[in-house]
């Protein structure tokens, strides 16, 4: 019953050496000055570009493109700029294309979303035989999230054998759990029903009819110089295709659920000609494609057929993001506002899928806090930044510097360093010291396994068992806890990440043998524990403005800034010296 097609008679070289193809003739980069939305989004992205964002965005308002622009570098080694025609993986946005392929086949009478998977695969275990295509599409099948790394060059038969041995997370149709496995199986169904390879069917039946010539795994013949290089924590990561692809594309851990390569321009064509134009799928099919069917675990959205549907403050929002933590992308449509944007980027420093709320804020909120515009030194040298990596110590703390191209990324360790960089009042400093002591006491009890470890942080009469159990469960699940470090406390100033939750945050670094977690303990006004939230390490990005001078920008609103000088071998902040440990 299982049929797998190798539809690639060309471009199937495992070394992935695409032939040169002339870059398509498209409009030049633009910022529509008559559009406040375009101007404001460009202003925001220009601010974070100097902090490390690199990628491309395309924005439309009504029928007009109001912003189409690249930022930063697609290749830092050659200093090649990122443009709207730069090619990169868009991650799980691939899922909406797989969903469209399934619905196109259904519209032709070749399958039904109510079909059980047992119709398409042999030797299905009893508990999985009644899983439907609809449940695979909506992540309600109970299938696991994944069964291996994206980088494993796993063929279809081996992949299916592994999937069928893994137990379901829940009975099909009773819950929701995001599953790359489900979409890989959908890609196999597309191949079996169509008699074509997944990418070939997608290209011939959906992409080319909609004018997308730049989207795919191997079939588009991009010039290699149009591909974005990926960067992780300032280090070159490289290209997706270099990591375990088969002759006809990625292994099935990635195929049909992620990893398709595209450009910002092509994703605008996808929006106009498939999603909004409805020319290829038809109006009713598009409605079913973009309908939210299953409530996601956070309760704030519903999953459709490769789409997430939200009730936003600007009306319904149809969207999906994608990321492998290096390359990331986001696709967002507000039908009632007639507003669309697609953004992609090639660095883990500032991931494109995390930019959604900021782009929407820049577009529609009058009180949105813009990052500062800092002019980087024209001749800044990545080599000089590398020479300055390392720990710079104060009494009771340090700045840990790592490079990100010409920039330095400063992680703040210890209350003295947080005070130096964020400049709280003397009264706040005393209060922060008390919160740190209380948190340290709670962490000591947590390391000892006390079920009521957070009791000293709670309001009188509040049960400490439930919030403590959450942290104990994390520790037990990860295992091999080394230490819980109380890094320090800072004020949640207006516009900052946790400002709506409480006035102060104490940051805890949970260090495990092979893992780490960042815990943010937010406090109520009466200095009792409000909750624990995930979030980044307190960090400043240091922008070189001269050979020995940097402007530090806090990585996130309210974008605090501070001037830093290097006087070898130390750095100087607010007349205090921080020096390497001797």
Protein backbone atom coordinates (compact mmCIF):
# COMPACT_ATOMS: atom_id res chain seq x y z
CA UNK A 1 0.00 0.00 0.00
CA UNK A 2 2.90 2.38 0.70
CA UNK A 3 4.34 4.02 -2.40
CA UNK A 4 7.25 6.47 -2.37
CA UNK A 5 8.24 8.43 -5.41
CA UNK A 6 11.71 9.65 -6.34
CA UNK A 7 10.59 12.34 -8.73
CA UNK A 8 13.96 14.05 -9.11
CA UNK A 9 15.71 13.27 -12.34
CA UNK A 10 17.67 16.51 -12.09
CA UNK A 11 19.15 18.60 -9.28
CA UNK A 12 19.55 15.49 -7.12
CA UNK A 13 23.20 15.93 -6.33
CA UNK A 14 23.81 15.33 -2.64
CA UNK A 15 26.47 18.05 -2.75
CA UNK A 16 23.75 20.54 -3.64
CA UNK A 17 25.44 22.52 -6.38
CA UNK A 18 22.62 24.53 -7.95
CA UNK A 19 23.16 25.99 -11.38
CA UNK A 20 23.32 29.74 -11.63
CA UNK A 21 20.04 31.39 -12.44
CA UNK A 22 19.70 35.08 -13.06
CA UNK A 23 18.11 36.85 -10.13
CA UNK A 24 14.51 37.76 -11.02
CA UNK A 25 13.76 41.30 -12.10
CA UNK A 26 11.80 42.81 -9.20
CA UNK A 27 11.20 46.29 -7.84
CA UNK A 28 14.03 47.89 -5.92
CA UNK A 29 13.92 48.00 -2.14
CA UNK A 30 11.37 50.50 -0.93
CA UNK A 31 9.98 52.30 2.08
CA UNK A 32 6.71 54.01 1.18
CA UNK A 33 7.17 57.38 2.90
CA UNK A 34 3.46 58.11 2.60
CA UNK A 35 2.70 55.08 4.77
CA UNK A 36 3.16 55.54 8.52
CA UNK A 37 3.06 51.78 8.93
CA UNK A 38 5.90 51.23 6.48
CA UNK A 39 7.99 54.04 7.93
CA UNK A 40 7.48 52.91 11.53
CA UNK A 41 8.32 49.26 10.88
CA UNK A 42 11.43 50.29 8.95
CA UNK A 43 12.44 52.55 11.84
CA UNK A 44 12.13 49.65 14.28
CA UNK A 45 14.04 47.19 12.09
CA UNK A 46 16.76 49.75 11.38
CA UNK A 47 17.22 50.09 15.14
CA UNK A 48 17.64 46.38 15.75
CA UNK A 49 19.75 45.90 12.61
CA UNK A 50 22.70 47.57 14.31
CA UNK A 51 22.09 45.26 17.30
CA UNK A 52 22.43 42.14 15.17
CA UNK A 53 19.25 41.53 13.19
CA UNK A 54 19.80 40.47 9.60
CA UNK A 55 17.04 39.42 7.25
CA UNK A 56 14.35 40.76 4.94
CA UNK A 57 10.78 41.96 5.34
CA UNK A 58 7.88 42.67 3.02
CA UNK A 59 4.80 44.54 4.27
CA UNK A 60 1.56 45.38 2.51
CA UNK A 61 -1.30 47.66 3.46
CA UNK A 62 -4.38 47.13 1.31
CA UNK A 63 -3.13 46.53 -2.23
CA UNK A 64 0.15 48.40 -1.72
CA UNK A 65 3.58 47.17 -0.70
CA UNK A 66 4.65 49.75 1.89
CA UNK A 67 7.97 48.19 2.93
CA UNK A 68 10.27 45.80 1.08
CA UNK A 69 13.78 45.81 2.39
CA UNK A 70 16.78 43.80 3.54
CA UNK A 71 18.79 44.46 6.70
CA UNK A 72 22.23 43.35 7.80
CA UNK A 73 24.33 40.68 6.16
CA UNK A 74 23.41 37.42 4.44
CA UNK A 75 27.07 36.37 4.63
CA UNK A 76 29.30 38.03 7.22
CA UNK A 77 32.52 36.54 5.88
CA UNK A 78 32.08 38.10 2.42
CA UNK A 79 30.06 41.09 3.80
CA UNK A 80 27.26 40.26 1.34
CA UNK A 81 24.10 42.22 2.26
CA UNK A 82 20.74 40.61 2.93
CA UNK A 83 18.09 41.59 0.34
CA UNK A 84 14.43 40.69 -0.34
CA UNK A 85 15.67 38.15 -2.90
CA UNK A 86 18.01 36.38 -0.47
CA UNK A 87 17.06 32.70 -0.09
CA UNK A 88 16.75 30.90 3.23
CA UNK A 89 14.70 28.25 5.03
CA UNK A 90 11.37 29.43 6.43
CA UNK A 91 11.00 26.50 8.82
CA UNK A 92 7.51 25.37 9.82
CA UNK A 93 5.76 27.79 7.48
CA UNK A 94 6.19 24.75 5.22
CA UNK A 95 3.22 23.24 7.11
CA UNK A 96 0.72 25.61 5.49
CA UNK A 97 1.98 24.49 2.08
CA UNK A 98 1.53 20.84 3.04
CA UNK A 99 -1.97 21.68 4.25
CA UNK A 100 -2.73 23.37 0.93
CA UNK A 101 -1.46 20.31 -0.97
CA UNK A 102 -3.75 18.00 1.00
CA UNK A 103 -6.79 20.23 0.40
CA UNK A 104 -5.97 20.54 -3.30
CA UNK A 105 -5.96 16.75 -3.61
CA UNK A 106 -9.24 16.59 -1.69
CA UNK A 107 -10.82 19.16 -4.03
CA UNK A 108 -9.93 16.82 -6.91
CA UNK A 109 -11.62 13.91 -5.17
CA UNK A 110 -8.37 12.01 -4.56
CA UNK A 111 -8.63 11.88 -0.76
CA UNK A 112 -10.68 13.15 2.18
CA UNK A 113 -9.44 14.79 5.36
CA UNK A 114 -11.66 12.28 7.17
CA UNK A 115 -9.65 9.35 5.79
CA UNK A 116 -7.84 7.20 8.38
CA UNK A 117 -4.10 6.85 7.99
CA UNK A 118 -4.53 3.07 7.75
CA UNK A 119 -5.80 3.69 4.23
CA UNK A 120 -2.33 4.92 3.22
CA UNK A 121 0.13 2.96 5.37
CA UNK A 122 0.54 -0.76 6.02
CA UNK A 123 1.16 -2.39 9.39
CA UNK A 124 -0.27 0.45 11.49
CA UNK A 125 -0.49 -0.45 15.21
CA UNK A 126 -4.05 -0.79 16.44
CA UNK A 127 -4.13 2.42 18.48
CA UNK A 128 -3.01 4.47 15.46
CA UNK A 129 -5.18 2.97 12.71
CA UNK A 130 -8.08 5.40 13.16
CA UNK A 131 -6.00 8.58 13.17
CA UNK A 132 -7.42 10.83 10.44
CA UNK A 133 -5.79 13.22 8.04
CA UNK A 134 -7.71 16.02 9.78
CA UNK A 135 -6.08 15.07 13.10
CA UNK A 136 -2.62 15.07 11.52
CA UNK A 137 -3.31 18.52 10.06
CA UNK A 138 -4.51 19.97 13.39
CA UNK A 139 -1.93 18.34 15.71
CA UNK A 140 -4.70 16.42 17.45
CA UNK A 141 -3.52 12.93 16.44
CA UNK A 142 -1.45 12.22 19.54
CA UNK A 143 1.63 11.63 17.39
CA UNK A 144 4.95 12.68 19.01
CA UNK A 145 6.49 16.04 18.24
CA UNK A 146 9.48 14.36 16.64
CA UNK A 147 11.42 11.10 16.60
CA UNK A 148 14.89 12.38 15.71
CA UNK A 149 16.99 15.29 14.57
CA UNK A 150 16.24 17.34 11.44
CA UNK A 151 19.80 16.60 10.41
CA UNK A 152 19.38 12.82 10.21
CA UNK A 153 19.30 11.65 6.55
CA UNK A 154 16.38 9.31 7.20
CA UNK A 155 14.42 7.75 4.34
CA UNK A 156 10.68 7.20 4.34
CA UNK A 157 10.59 3.49 5.27
CA UNK A 158 12.98 3.90 8.20
CA UNK A 159 11.09 6.98 9.36
CA UNK A 160 7.71 5.22 9.36
CA UNK A 161 9.12 2.22 11.21
CA UNK A 162 10.46 4.51 13.94
CA UNK A 163 7.23 6.54 14.19
CA UNK A 164 5.03 3.48 14.54
CA UNK A 165 7.12 2.18 17.47
CA UNK A 166 6.67 5.38 19.50
CA UNK A 167 3.58 5.50 21.76
CA UNK A 168 0.92 8.17 21.25
CA UNK A 169 0.86 11.12 23.61
CA UNK A 170 -2.93 10.84 23.97
CA UNK A 171 -5.92 9.20 22.32
CA UNK A 172 -6.44 10.68 18.84
CA UNK A 173 -8.84 13.63 18.79
CA UNK A 174 -8.81 14.22 22.56
CA UNK A 175 -6.08 16.85 22.91
CA UNK A 176 -3.53 19.02 21.10
CA UNK A 177 0.27 18.59 20.82
CA UNK A 178 2.36 20.16 18.06
CA UNK A 179 3.74 17.37 15.89
CA UNK A 180 6.29 17.54 13.10
CA UNK A 181 5.74 13.81 12.71
CA UNK A 182 2.13 14.38 11.67
CA UNK A 183 3.12 16.69 8.84
CA UNK A 184 5.87 14.35 7.62
CA UNK A 185 3.20 11.64 7.30
CA UNK A 186 1.00 14.10 5.40
CA UNK A 187 3.86 14.67 2.95
CA UNK A 188 4.06 10.92 2.38
CA UNK A 189 0.31 10.82 1.73
CA UNK A 190 0.73 13.61 -0.85
CA UNK A 191 3.37 11.51 -2.60
CA UNK A 192 1.29 8.34 -2.59
CA UNK A 193 -1.93 9.96 -3.79
CA UNK A 194 -0.36 12.20 -6.44
CA UNK A 195 2.25 9.76 -7.70
CA UNK A 196 4.83 12.54 -7.50
CA UNK A 197 7.56 13.53 -5.08
CA UNK A 198 6.41 15.95 -2.38
CA UNK A 199 8.43 18.89 -3.68
CA UNK A 200 7.58 18.24 -7.31
CA UNK A 201 3.83 18.12 -6.59
CA UNK A 202 4.04 21.29 -4.53
CA UNK A 203 6.02 23.11 -7.21
CA UNK A 204 3.92 22.07 -10.22
CA UNK A 205 0.45 22.24 -8.69
CA UNK A 206 0.69 25.12 -6.18
CA UNK A 207 3.87 27.18 -6.39
CA UNK A 208 4.37 27.77 -10.11
CA UNK A 209 0.63 28.44 -10.75
CA UNK A 210 0.86 31.15 -8.07
CA UNK A 211 4.05 32.64 -9.54
CA UNK A 212 6.45 31.25 -6.91
CA UNK A 213 9.62 30.21 -8.72
CA UNK A 214 11.96 30.71 -5.76
CA UNK A 215 10.49 28.28 -3.20
CA UNK A 216 11.50 24.66 -2.65
CA UNK A 217 14.16 22.27 -1.43
CA UNK A 218 16.19 21.49 -4.56
CA UNK A 219 14.10 22.20 -7.66
CA UNK A 220 14.61 26.00 -7.83
CA UNK A 221 17.99 26.65 -9.43
CA UNK A 222 19.29 29.36 -7.12
CA UNK A 223 22.80 30.68 -7.47
CA UNK A 224 24.60 29.67 -4.28
CA UNK A 225 25.49 33.33 -3.69
CA UNK A 226 21.82 34.08 -3.08
CA UNK A 227 21.60 31.75 -0.06
CA UNK A 228 21.81 33.20 3.45
CA UNK A 229 24.43 31.77 5.80
CA UNK A 230 23.12 30.91 9.26
CA UNK A 231 24.72 32.18 12.49
CA UNK A 232 24.26 30.88 16.03
CA UNK A 233 25.43 32.95 18.99
CA UNK A 234 27.80 34.86 16.74
CA UNK A 235 29.34 31.73 15.19
CA UNK A 236 28.93 30.62 11.57
CA UNK A 237 26.44 27.71 11.45
CA UNK A 238 26.25 27.40 7.67
CA UNK A 239 23.47 26.11 5.40
CA UNK A 240 20.59 23.75 6.14
CA UNK A 241 21.35 21.58 3.10
CA UNK A 242 24.84 20.82 4.46
CA UNK A 243 23.34 18.89 7.37
CA UNK A 244 22.17 15.42 6.47
CA UNK A 245 20.14 15.93 3.29
CA UNK A 246 19.39 13.05 0.94
CA UNK A 247 19.82 13.20 -2.83
CA UNK A 248 16.25 14.47 -3.27
CA UNK A 249 16.08 16.86 -0.32
CA UNK A 250 15.97 16.69 3.48
CA UNK A 251 15.29 13.49 5.39
CA UNK A 252 11.78 12.84 6.61
CA UNK A 253 12.42 14.31 10.03
CA UNK A 254 12.19 17.66 8.22
CA UNK A 255 10.50 17.06 4.89
CA UNK A 256 6.92 18.40 4.53
CA UNK A 257 6.93 19.80 8.07
CA UNK A 258 9.71 22.37 7.63
CA UNK A 259 12.81 23.52 5.83
CA UNK A 260 11.48 24.79 2.50
CA UNK A 261 13.67 27.64 1.20
CA UNK A 262 12.13 30.85 -0.10
CA UNK A 263 12.45 34.63 -0.44
CA UNK A 264 10.44 37.49 1.01
CA UNK A 265 9.19 38.28 -2.49
CA UNK A 266 7.95 34.74 -3.09
CA UNK A 267 6.09 34.71 0.21
CA UNK A 268 4.28 37.88 -0.83
CA UNK A 269 3.21 36.09 -4.01
CA UNK A 270 2.00 33.19 -1.86
CA UNK A 271 -0.07 35.63 0.17
CA UNK A 272 -1.53 37.50 -2.81
CA UNK A 273 -2.16 34.60 -5.17
CA UNK A 274 -2.97 31.67 -2.89
CA UNK A 275 -4.18 33.01 0.45
CA UNK A 276 -5.80 36.31 -0.50
CA UNK A 277 -6.35 35.82 -4.21
CA UNK A 278 -7.75 32.29 -3.78
CA UNK A 279 -7.09 31.63 -7.47
CA UNK A 280 -5.46 28.22 -7.11
CA UNK A 281 -7.38 26.67 -4.21
CA UNK A 282 -10.74 28.43 -4.49
CA UNK A 283 -12.65 30.48 -1.91
CA UNK A 284 -14.24 27.62 0.05
CA UNK A 285 -11.00 25.66 0.25
CA UNK A 286 -9.12 28.72 1.52
CA UNK A 287 -11.81 29.22 4.18
CA UNK A 288 -11.39 25.65 5.42
CA UNK A 289 -7.59 25.91 5.17
CA UNK A 290 -7.41 28.95 7.43
CA UNK A 291 -10.15 28.02 9.93
CA UNK A 292 -9.05 27.35 13.51
CA UNK A 293 -10.21 23.87 14.53
CA UNK A 294 -8.35 22.82 17.68
CA UNK A 295 -7.55 25.03 20.67
CA UNK A 296 -3.83 25.14 21.34
CA UNK A 297 -2.46 24.39 24.78
CA UNK A 298 -2.10 28.03 25.74
CA UNK A 299 -5.79 28.67 25.03
CA UNK A 300 -5.03 31.88 23.14
CA UNK A 301 -5.27 30.47 19.62
CA UNK A 302 -6.63 27.67 17.45
CA UNK A 303 -4.77 25.50 14.97
CA UNK A 304 -6.04 25.06 11.42
CA UNK A 305 -4.51 23.24 8.48
CA UNK A 306 -0.97 24.61 8.84
CA UNK A 307 -2.12 27.95 10.26
CA UNK A 308 -2.62 29.42 13.72
CA UNK A 309 -5.71 31.60 14.14
CA UNK A 310 -5.78 34.25 16.88
CA UNK A 311 -8.34 36.73 18.17
CA UNK A 312 -6.00 39.71 18.34
CA UNK A 313 -6.66 43.28 19.39
CA UNK A 314 -6.71 44.08 15.66
CA UNK A 315 -9.26 41.43 14.78
CA UNK A 316 -8.65 37.88 13.51
CA UNK A 317 -4.99 37.10 12.86
CA UNK A 318 -3.97 34.23 10.58
CA UNK A 319 -0.30 33.44 11.04
CA UNK A 320 2.48 30.91 11.41
CA UNK A 321 6.13 31.14 12.34
CA UNK A 322 9.04 28.81 11.70
CA UNK A 323 12.53 28.35 13.11
CA UNK A 324 15.37 25.92 13.61
CA UNK A 325 16.80 28.43 16.17
CA UNK A 326 19.17 29.82 13.50
CA UNK A 327 17.00 30.56 10.48
CA UNK A 328 13.58 31.90 11.43
CA UNK A 329 10.56 33.43 9.73
CA UNK A 330 7.07 34.73 10.43
CA UNK A 331 3.99 35.15 8.23
CA UNK A 332 1.16 37.33 9.57
CA UNK A 333 -2.16 38.45 8.04
CA UNK A 334 -4.76 40.72 9.66
CA UNK A 335 -7.73 40.50 7.22
CA UNK A 336 -9.79 43.23 8.88
CA UNK A 337 -6.85 45.64 8.86
CA UNK A 338 -5.85 44.58 5.31
CA UNK A 339 -2.35 44.24 6.69
CA UNK A 340 0.25 41.59 5.89
CA UNK A 341 3.91 41.06 6.65
CA UNK A 342 6.48 38.34 6.13
CA UNK A 343 9.91 38.49 7.72
CA UNK A 344 12.85 36.10 7.74
CA UNK A 345 16.28 36.19 9.32
CA UNK A 346 19.50 34.18 9.57
CA UNK A 347 20.79 34.65 13.10
CA UNK A 348 19.82 33.37 16.53
CA UNK A 349 20.74 36.73 18.08
CA UNK A 350 17.40 38.32 17.21
CA UNK A 351 15.04 35.68 15.82
CA UNK A 352 12.48 36.82 13.27
CA UNK A 353 9.65 34.80 14.80
CA UNK A 354 10.10 36.73 18.08
CA UNK A 355 9.66 40.05 16.29
CA UNK A 356 5.91 39.69 15.66
CA UNK A 357 4.66 41.68 18.66
CA UNK A 358 7.24 44.41 18.02
CA UNK A 359 6.36 44.76 14.33
CA UNK A 360 2.64 44.92 15.17
CA UNK A 361 3.40 47.43 17.91
CA UNK A 362 5.46 49.60 15.56
CA UNK A 363 2.66 49.45 12.99
CA UNK A 364 -0.33 50.19 15.21
CA UNK A 365 0.63 51.45 18.69
CA UNK A 366 1.32 55.13 19.22
CA UNK A 367 3.21 54.47 22.48
CA UNK A 368 5.49 51.79 21.01
CA UNK A 369 9.07 52.18 22.28
CA UNK A 370 11.55 52.34 19.41
CA UNK A 371 15.13 51.15 19.86
CA UNK A 372 17.76 53.88 19.58
CA UNK A 373 19.52 54.49 16.28
CA UNK A 374 23.25 54.10 16.91
CA UNK A 375 25.76 54.69 14.16
CA UNK A 376 28.27 51.83 14.08
CA UNK A 377 31.87 52.58 13.14
CA UNK A 378 32.26 52.10 9.39
CA UNK A 379 35.55 50.24 9.69
CA UNK A 380 34.64 48.11 12.70
CA UNK A 381 36.57 44.84 12.69
CA UNK A 382 35.15 41.46 13.81
CA UNK A 383 38.70 40.42 14.74
CA UNK A 384 38.98 43.20 17.31
CA UNK A 385 35.71 42.11 18.90
CA UNK A 386 37.05 38.55 19.16
CA UNK A 387 40.17 39.81 20.92
CA UNK A 388 37.95 41.41 23.55
CA UNK A 389 35.90 38.31 24.37
CA UNK A 390 36.00 37.01 27.94
CA UNK A 391 34.99 37.83 31.50
CA UNK A 392 35.46 41.33 32.95
CA UNK A 393 35.12 41.32 36.73
CA UNK A 394 33.88 43.77 39.32
CA UNK A 395 33.64 43.07 43.03
CA UNK A 396 30.72 40.63 43.18
CA UNK A 397 29.95 40.35 39.47
CA UNK A 398 31.17 40.25 35.90
CA UNK A 399 30.35 41.16 32.33
CA UNK A 400 30.75 38.09 30.11
CA UNK A 401 31.54 39.27 26.56
CA UNK A 402 31.10 37.19 23.42
CA UNK A 403 31.33 38.34 19.82
CA UNK A 404 28.56 38.77 17.29
CA UNK A 405 30.33 39.97 14.15
CA UNK A 406 31.66 43.46 15.00
CA UNK A 407 29.46 43.69 18.11
CA UNK A 408 30.03 42.38 21.63
CA UNK A 409 27.25 40.73 23.61
CA UNK A 410 27.49 41.42 27.34
CA UNK A 411 25.75 39.02 29.74
CA UNK A 412 25.35 40.60 33.17
CA UNK A 413 26.32 38.46 36.19
CA UNK A 414 25.70 39.64 39.73
CA UNK A 415 23.88 42.52 41.37
CA UNK A 416 26.82 44.96 41.25
CA UNK A 417 26.93 44.64 37.45
CA UNK A 418 23.15 44.94 37.09
CA UNK A 419 23.30 48.08 39.25
CA UNK A 420 26.16 49.48 37.19
CA UNK A 421 24.43 48.95 33.84
CA UNK A 422 20.83 49.77 34.84
CA UNK A 423 21.51 52.54 37.40
CA UNK A 424 18.81 51.95 40.06
CA UNK A 425 18.34 54.31 43.01
CA UNK A 426 20.01 53.62 46.35
CA UNK A 427 16.63 52.66 47.80
CA UNK A 428 16.08 50.18 44.97
CA UNK A 429 19.52 48.68 45.51
CA UNK A 430 18.71 47.91 49.16
CA UNK A 431 15.38 46.39 48.17
CA UNK A 432 17.00 44.27 45.43
CA UNK A 433 19.51 42.92 47.98
CA UNK A 434 16.62 41.72 50.18
CA UNK A 435 14.86 40.05 47.26
CA UNK A 436 18.11 38.32 46.28
CA UNK A 437 18.59 36.97 49.83
CA UNK A 438 15.05 35.61 49.94
CA UNK A 439 15.46 34.03 46.50
CA UNK A 440 18.83 32.49 47.50
CA UNK A 441 17.22 30.92 50.56
CA UNK A 442 14.41 29.49 48.40
CA UNK A 443 16.89 28.12 45.85
CA UNK A 444 18.90 26.40 48.61
CA UNK A 445 15.71 24.66 49.75
CA UNK A 446 14.84 23.79 46.16
CA UNK A 447 18.26 22.19 45.62
CA UNK A 448 17.58 20.13 48.77
CA UNK A 449 14.29 18.94 47.27
CA UNK A 450 11.99 20.75 49.71
CA UNK A 451 8.37 20.58 48.46
CA UNK A 452 7.61 23.97 50.08
CA UNK A 453 10.83 25.68 48.93
CA UNK A 454 9.02 28.86 47.80
CA UNK A 455 7.13 29.29 51.10
CA UNK A 456 9.26 32.28 52.14
CA UNK A 457 8.39 34.12 48.92
CA UNK A 458 4.60 33.71 49.07
CA UNK A 459 1.82 35.78 50.61
CA UNK A 460 0.61 34.58 54.00
CA UNK A 461 -1.90 31.78 53.51
CA UNK A 462 -0.84 31.03 49.91
CA UNK A 463 0.07 27.44 49.10
CA UNK A 464 3.75 27.16 48.07
CA UNK A 465 3.45 23.52 47.00
CA UNK A 466 2.05 24.09 43.49
CA UNK A 467 4.61 26.68 42.24
CA UNK A 468 7.43 24.73 43.91
CA UNK A 469 6.33 21.50 42.24
CA UNK A 470 6.61 23.15 38.81
CA UNK A 471 10.30 23.90 39.43
CA UNK A 472 10.98 20.52 41.05
CA UNK A 473 9.43 18.78 38.05
CA UNK A 474 11.72 20.70 35.70
CA UNK A 475 14.74 19.71 37.76
CA UNK A 476 13.70 16.05 37.85
CA UNK A 477 12.90 15.92 34.12
CA UNK A 478 16.25 17.42 33.06
CA UNK A 479 18.32 15.72 35.74
CA UNK A 480 21.89 16.28 36.91
CA UNK A 481 21.36 19.75 38.40
CA UNK A 482 24.69 21.48 39.03
CA UNK A 483 23.58 24.72 40.66
CA UNK A 484 20.92 27.40 40.88
CA UNK A 485 22.60 30.81 40.49
CA UNK A 486 20.76 33.94 41.68
CA UNK A 487 22.12 36.44 39.17
CA UNK A 488 20.34 39.52 40.51
CA UNK A 489 17.25 41.73 40.52
CA UNK A 490 16.14 44.61 38.32
CA UNK A 491 13.14 46.90 37.94
CA UNK A 492 10.47 46.12 35.35
CA UNK A 493 10.39 49.59 33.86
CA UNK A 494 7.51 50.61 31.53
CA UNK A 495 7.74 48.78 28.21
CA UNK A 496 10.02 46.02 29.48
CA UNK A 497 9.24 42.32 29.14
CA UNK A 498 7.62 41.75 32.55
CA UNK A 499 6.31 45.25 33.29
CA UNK A 500 2.66 44.13 33.17
CA UNK A 501 3.25 41.34 35.70
CA UNK A 502 4.96 43.13 38.56
CA UNK A 503 7.48 45.86 39.45
CA UNK A 504 10.65 43.71 39.88
CA UNK A 505 12.27 40.56 38.50
CA UNK A 506 14.94 38.35 40.04
CA UNK A 507 16.84 36.35 37.42
CA UNK A 508 17.93 32.79 38.25
CA UNK A 509 20.25 30.67 36.12
CA UNK A 510 19.47 26.97 36.51
CA UNK A 511 22.64 25.14 35.44
CA UNK A 512 22.48 21.44 34.60
CA UNK A 513 25.22 19.11 33.41
CA UNK A 514 23.99 19.16 29.80
CA UNK A 515 21.37 21.89 29.78
CA UNK A 516 20.40 25.22 31.30
CA UNK A 517 17.26 27.19 32.00
CA UNK A 518 16.57 30.86 32.71
CA UNK A 519 13.99 31.55 35.43
CA UNK A 520 12.55 35.01 35.97
CA UNK A 521 10.88 35.40 39.38
CA UNK A 522 8.49 38.35 39.14
CA UNK A 523 7.39 40.09 42.36
CA UNK A 524 4.14 41.76 43.39
CA UNK A 525 4.15 45.30 44.78
CA UNK A 526 4.16 43.86 48.31
CA UNK A 527 7.35 41.91 47.45
CA UNK A 528 5.61 38.53 47.33
CA UNK A 529 6.09 35.99 44.54
CA UNK A 530 3.86 36.68 41.51
CA UNK A 531 5.13 33.97 39.16
CA UNK A 532 8.01 32.43 37.26
CA UNK A 533 8.42 33.27 33.55
CA UNK A 534 10.81 32.28 30.81
CA UNK A 535 12.91 35.01 29.30
CA UNK A 536 16.39 35.95 28.15
CA UNK A 537 19.50 36.54 30.21
CA UNK A 538 19.89 40.25 31.14
CA UNK A 539 22.07 41.38 28.25
CA UNK A 540 23.46 44.48 26.56
CA UNK A 541 24.59 44.63 22.93
CA UNK A 542 27.77 46.69 22.57
CA UNK A 543 27.90 48.63 19.29
CA UNK A 544 31.36 49.84 18.19
CA UNK A 545 31.31 53.60 17.61
CA UNK A 546 35.11 54.02 17.57
CA UNK A 547 38.05 51.66 17.99
CA UNK A 548 37.92 51.65 21.81
CA UNK A 549 34.41 53.01 22.36
CA UNK A 550 31.07 51.21 22.37
CA UNK A 551 27.47 52.19 22.98
CA UNK A 552 25.72 49.49 24.99
CA UNK A 553 22.01 48.93 24.32
CA UNK A 554 19.87 46.76 26.57
CA UNK A 555 18.56 43.86 24.50
CA UNK A 556 14.89 44.78 24.61
CA UNK A 557 12.64 47.63 25.76
CA UNK A 558 13.09 50.10 27.31
CA UNK A 559 16.42 49.98 25.39
CA UNK A 560 18.60 51.49 28.14
CA UNK A 561 21.91 52.77 26.78
CA UNK A 562 25.33 53.23 28.34
CA UNK A 563 28.77 54.27 27.05
CA UNK A 564 31.69 51.87 27.47
CA UNK A 565 35.42 52.42 26.90
CA UNK A 566 38.18 49.84 26.51
CA UNK A 567 41.43 50.71 28.24
CA UNK A 568 43.51 47.58 27.87
CA UNK A 569 43.17 45.21 29.48
CA UNK A 570 40.03 46.54 31.17
CA UNK A 571 36.74 48.16 30.23
CA UNK A 572 35.36 51.26 31.90
CA UNK A 573 31.66 51.81 32.66
CA UNK A 574 30.49 54.92 34.53
CA UNK A 575 34.07 55.44 35.78
CA UNK A 576 34.27 51.89 37.16
CA UNK A 577 36.85 49.48 35.81
CA UNK A 578 36.04 45.85 35.06
CA UNK A 579 39.12 43.78 34.29
CA UNK A 580 39.96 40.24 33.18
CA UNK A 581 40.69 37.84 36.03
CA UNK A 582 44.43 37.41 36.49
